[in-house]
Amino acid sequence: MNANKIKKNLTTEINDKLKKSKFDLLTNENDFLVKNLKKAG
């Protein structure tokens, strides 16, 4: 296996993990906002 293929695989793996973590953060934030809105409403 050459170095370029390894690099490409690693970067895509890292990008996927970043996307997932960003998504998790957004869903947590949304849950928080929804809870606060329900309390206020």
PDB file of N, CA and C in Angstrom:
ATOM      1  N   MET A   1       0.853  -1.201   0.000  1.00  0.00           N
ATOM      2  CA  MET A   1       0.000   0.000   0.000  1.00  0.00           C
ATOM      3  C   MET A   1       0.884   1.245   0.000  1.00  0.00           C
ATOM      4  N   ASN A   2       0.562   2.203  -0.843  1.00  0.00           N
ATOM      5  CA  ASN A   2       1.402   3.401  -0.865  1.00  0.00           C
ATOM      6  C   ASN A   2       0.925   4.455   0.136  1.00  0.00           C
ATOM      7  N   ALA A   3       1.796   5.411   0.379  1.00  0.00           N
ATOM      8  CA  ALA A   3       1.537   6.418   1.417  1.00  0.00           C
ATOM      9  C   ALA A   3       0.304   7.272   1.108  1.00  0.00           C
ATOM     10  N   ASN A   4       0.087   7.583  -0.164  1.00  0.00           N
ATOM     11  CA  ASN A   4      -1.059   8.426  -0.522  1.00  0.00           C
ATOM     12  C   ASN A   4      -2.383   7.778  -0.152  1.00  0.00           C
ATOM     13  N   LYS A   5      -2.503   6.479  -0.399  1.00  0.00           N
ATOM     14  CA  LYS A   5      -3.748   5.785  -0.060  1.00  0.00           C
ATOM     15  C   LYS A   5      -3.976   5.807   1.441  1.00  0.00           C
ATOM     16  N   ILE A   6      -2.914   5.584   2.204  1.00  0.00           N
ATOM     17  CA  ILE A   6      -3.029   5.591   3.664  1.00  0.00           C
ATOM     18  C   ILE A   6      -3.469   6.971   4.142  1.00  0.00           C
ATOM     19  N   LYS A   7      -2.832   8.012   3.614  1.00  0.00           N
ATOM     20  CA  LYS A   7      -3.189   9.385   4.005  1.00  0.00           C
ATOM     21  C   LYS A   7      -4.647   9.670   3.689  1.00  0.00           C
ATOM     22  N   LYS A   8      -5.073   9.284   2.500  1.00  0.00           N
ATOM     23  CA  LYS A   8      -6.442   9.543   2.083  1.00  0.00           C
ATOM     24  C   LYS A   8      -7.427   8.850   3.025  1.00  0.00           C
ATOM     25  N   ASN A   9      -7.142   7.595   3.345  1.00  0.00           N
ATOM     26  CA  ASN A   9      -8.018   6.856   4.253  1.00  0.00           C
ATOM     27  C   ASN A   9      -8.078   7.517   5.615  1.00  0.00           C
ATOM     28  N   LEU A  10      -6.941   7.963   6.119  1.00  0.00           N
ATOM     29  CA  LEU A  10      -6.906   8.597   7.431  1.00  0.00           C
ATOM     30  C   LEU A  10      -7.697   9.898   7.434  1.00  0.00           C
ATOM     31  N   THR A  11      -7.506  10.707   6.405  1.00  0.00           N
ATOM     32  CA  THR A  11      -8.210  11.992   6.381  1.00  0.00           C
ATOM     33  C   THR A  11      -9.714  11.796   6.268  1.00  0.00           C
ATOM     34  N   THR A  12     -10.150  10.833   5.461  1.00  0.00           N
ATOM     35  CA  THR A  12     -11.594  10.613   5.362  1.00  0.00           C
ATOM     36  C   THR A  12     -12.145  10.102   6.688  1.00  0.00           C
ATOM     37  N   GLU A  13     -11.364   9.248   7.352  1.00  0.00           N
ATOM     38  CA  GLU A  13     -11.791   8.729   8.649  1.00  0.00           C
ATOM     39  C   GLU A  13     -11.925   9.864   9.663  1.00  0.00           C
ATOM     40  N   ILE A  14     -10.932  10.747   9.680  1.00  0.00           N
ATOM     41  CA  ILE A  14     -10.943  11.881  10.608  1.00  0.00           C
ATOM     42  C   ILE A  14     -12.118  12.807  10.288  1.00  0.00           C
ATOM     43  N   ASN A  15     -12.330  13.082   9.010  1.00  0.00           N
ATOM     44  CA  ASN A  15     -13.440  13.949   8.612  1.00  0.00           C
ATOM     45  C   ASN A  15     -14.777  13.358   9.031  1.00  0.00           C
ATOM     46  N   ASP A  16     -14.934  12.064   8.873  1.00  0.00           N
ATOM     47  CA  ASP A  16     -16.179  11.408   9.282  1.00  0.00           C
ATOM     48  C   ASP A  16     -16.396  11.569  10.779  1.00  0.00           C
ATOM     49  N   LYS A  17     -15.332  11.370  11.554  1.00  0.00           N
ATOM     50  CA  LYS A  17     -15.446  11.504  13.007  1.00  0.00           C
ATOM     51  C   LYS A  17     -15.811  12.934  13.386  1.00  0.00           C
ATOM     52  N   LEU A  18     -15.198  13.907  12.694  1.00  0.00           N
ATOM     53  CA  LEU A  18     -15.498  15.311  12.979  1.00  0.00           C
ATOM     54  C   LEU A  18     -16.960  15.621  12.668  1.00  0.00           C
ATOM     55  N   LYS A  19     -17.435  15.151  11.545  1.00  0.00           N
ATOM     56  CA  LYS A  19     -18.835  15.388  11.176  1.00  0.00           C
ATOM     57  C   LYS A  19     -19.767  14.807  12.227  1.00  0.00           C
ATOM     58  N   LYS A  20     -19.464  13.589  12.667  1.00  0.00           N
ATOM     59  CA  LYS A  20     -20.309  12.951  13.674  1.00  0.00           C
ATOM     60  C   LYS A  20     -20.293  13.743  14.974  1.00  0.00           C
ATOM     61  N   SER A  21     -19.117  14.187  15.396  1.00  0.00           N
ATOM     62  CA  SER A  21     -19.037  14.911  16.664  1.00  0.00           C
ATOM     63  C   SER A  21     -19.753  16.256  16.562  1.00  0.00           C
ATOM     64  N   LYS A  22     -19.626  16.923  15.393  1.00  0.00           N
ATOM     65  CA  LYS A  22     -20.343  18.189  15.203  1.00  0.00           C
ATOM     66  C   LYS A  22     -21.835  17.948  15.254  1.00  0.00           C
ATOM     67  N   PHE A  23     -22.280  16.874  14.638  1.00  0.00           N
ATOM     68  CA  PHE A  23     -23.695  16.543  14.631  1.00  0.00           C
ATOM     69  C   PHE A  23     -24.193  16.276  16.049  1.00  0.00           C
ATOM     70  N   ASP A  24     -23.402  15.531  16.819  1.00  0.00           N
ATOM     71  CA  ASP A  24     -23.766  15.257  18.210  1.00  0.00           C
ATOM     72  C   ASP A  24     -23.883  16.547  19.001  1.00  0.00           C
ATOM     73  N   LEU A  25     -22.934  17.454  18.796  1.00  0.00           N
ATOM     74  CA  LEU A  25     -22.974  18.729  19.506  1.00  0.00           C
ATOM     75  C   LEU A  25     -24.235  19.503  19.151  1.00  0.00           C
ATOM     76  N   LEU A  26     -24.563  19.518  17.874  1.00  0.00           N
ATOM     77  CA  LEU A  26     -25.758  20.239  17.443  1.00  0.00           C
ATOM     78  C   LEU A  26     -27.018  19.637  18.039  1.00  0.00           C
ATOM     79  N   THR A  27     -27.117  18.316  18.061  1.00  0.00           N
ATOM     80  CA  THR A  27     -28.323  17.702  18.613  1.00  0.00           C
ATOM     81  C   THR A  27     -28.419  17.981  20.110  1.00  0.00           C
ATOM     82  N   ASN A  28     -27.297  17.956  20.810  1.00  0.00           N
ATOM     83  CA  ASN A  28     -27.314  18.266  22.242  1.00  0.00           C
ATOM     84  C   ASN A  28     -27.764  19.697  22.470  1.00  0.00           C
ATOM     85  N   GLU A  29     -27.262  20.603  21.635  1.00  0.00           N
ATOM     86  CA  GLU A  29     -27.628  22.009  21.761  1.00  0.00           C
ATOM     87  C   GLU A  29     -29.120  22.191  21.495  1.00  0.00           C
ATOM     88  N   ASN A  30     -29.622  21.520  20.471  1.00  0.00           N
ATOM     89  CA  ASN A  30     -31.038  21.613  20.139  1.00  0.00           C
ATOM     90  C   ASN A  30     -31.903  21.076  21.267  1.00  0.00           C
ATOM     91  N   ASP A  31     -31.499  19.962  21.858  1.00  0.00           N
ATOM     92  CA  ASP A  31     -32.247  19.403  22.990  1.00  0.00           C
ATOM     93  C   ASP A  31     -32.326  20.411  24.124  1.00  0.00           C
ATOM     94  N   PHE A  32     -31.205  21.056  24.391  1.00  0.00           N
ATOM     95  CA  PHE A  32     -31.139  22.052  25.454  1.00  0.00           C
ATOM     96  C   PHE A  32     -32.098  23.208  25.167  1.00  0.00           C
ATOM     97  N   LEU A  33     -32.058  23.695  23.923  1.00  0.00           N
ATOM     98  CA  LEU A  33     -32.936  24.807  23.536  1.00  0.00           C
ATOM     99  C   LEU A  33     -34.407  24.413  23.654  1.00  0.00           C
ATOM    100  N   VAL A  34     -34.736  23.215  23.202  1.00  0.00           N
ATOM    101  CA  VAL A  34     -36.120  22.744  23.261  1.00  0.00           C
ATOM    102  C   VAL A  34     -36.592  22.665  24.712  1.00  0.00           C
ATOM    103  N   LYS A  35     -35.757  22.142  25.583  1.00  0.00           N
ATOM    104  CA  LYS A  35     -36.129  22.037  26.998  1.00  0.00           C
ATOM    105  C   LYS A  35     -36.393  23.417  27.584  1.00  0.00           C
ATOM    106  N   ASN A  36     -35.512  24.378  27.260  1.00  0.00           N
ATOM    107  CA  ASN A  36     -35.690  25.721  27.783  1.00  0.00           C
ATOM    108  C   ASN A  36     -36.959  26.378  27.250  1.00  0.00           C
ATOM    109  N   LEU A  37     -37.250  26.134  25.971  1.00  0.00           N
ATOM    110  CA  LEU A  37     -38.469  26.699  25.394  1.00  0.00           C
ATOM    111  C   LEU A  37     -39.714  26.113  26.054  1.00  0.00           C
ATOM    112  N   LYS A  38     -39.680  24.821  26.327  1.00  0.00           N
ATOM    113  CA  LYS A  38     -40.831  24.186  26.979  1.00  0.00           C
ATOM    114  C   LYS A  38     -41.051  24.751  28.366  1.00  0.00           C
ATOM    115  N   LYS A  39     -39.948  25.005  29.087  1.00  0.00           N
ATOM    116  CA  LYS A  39     -40.060  25.593  30.435  1.00  0.00           C
ATOM    117  C   LYS A  39     -40.678  26.984  30.335  1.00  0.00           C
ATOM    118  N   ALA A  40     -40.193  27.780  29.386  1.00  0.00           N
ATOM    119  CA  ALA A  40     -40.673  29.159  29.247  1.00  0.00           C
ATOM    120  C   ALA A  40     -42.117  29.174  28.766  1.00  0.00           C
ATOM    121  N   GLY A  41     -42.460  28.251  27.880  1.00  0.00           N
ATOM    122  CA  GLY A  41     -43.811  28.216  27.303  1.00  0.00           C
ATOM    123  C   GLY A  41     -44.773  27.618  28.289  1.00  0.00           C
TER     124      GLY A  41
END
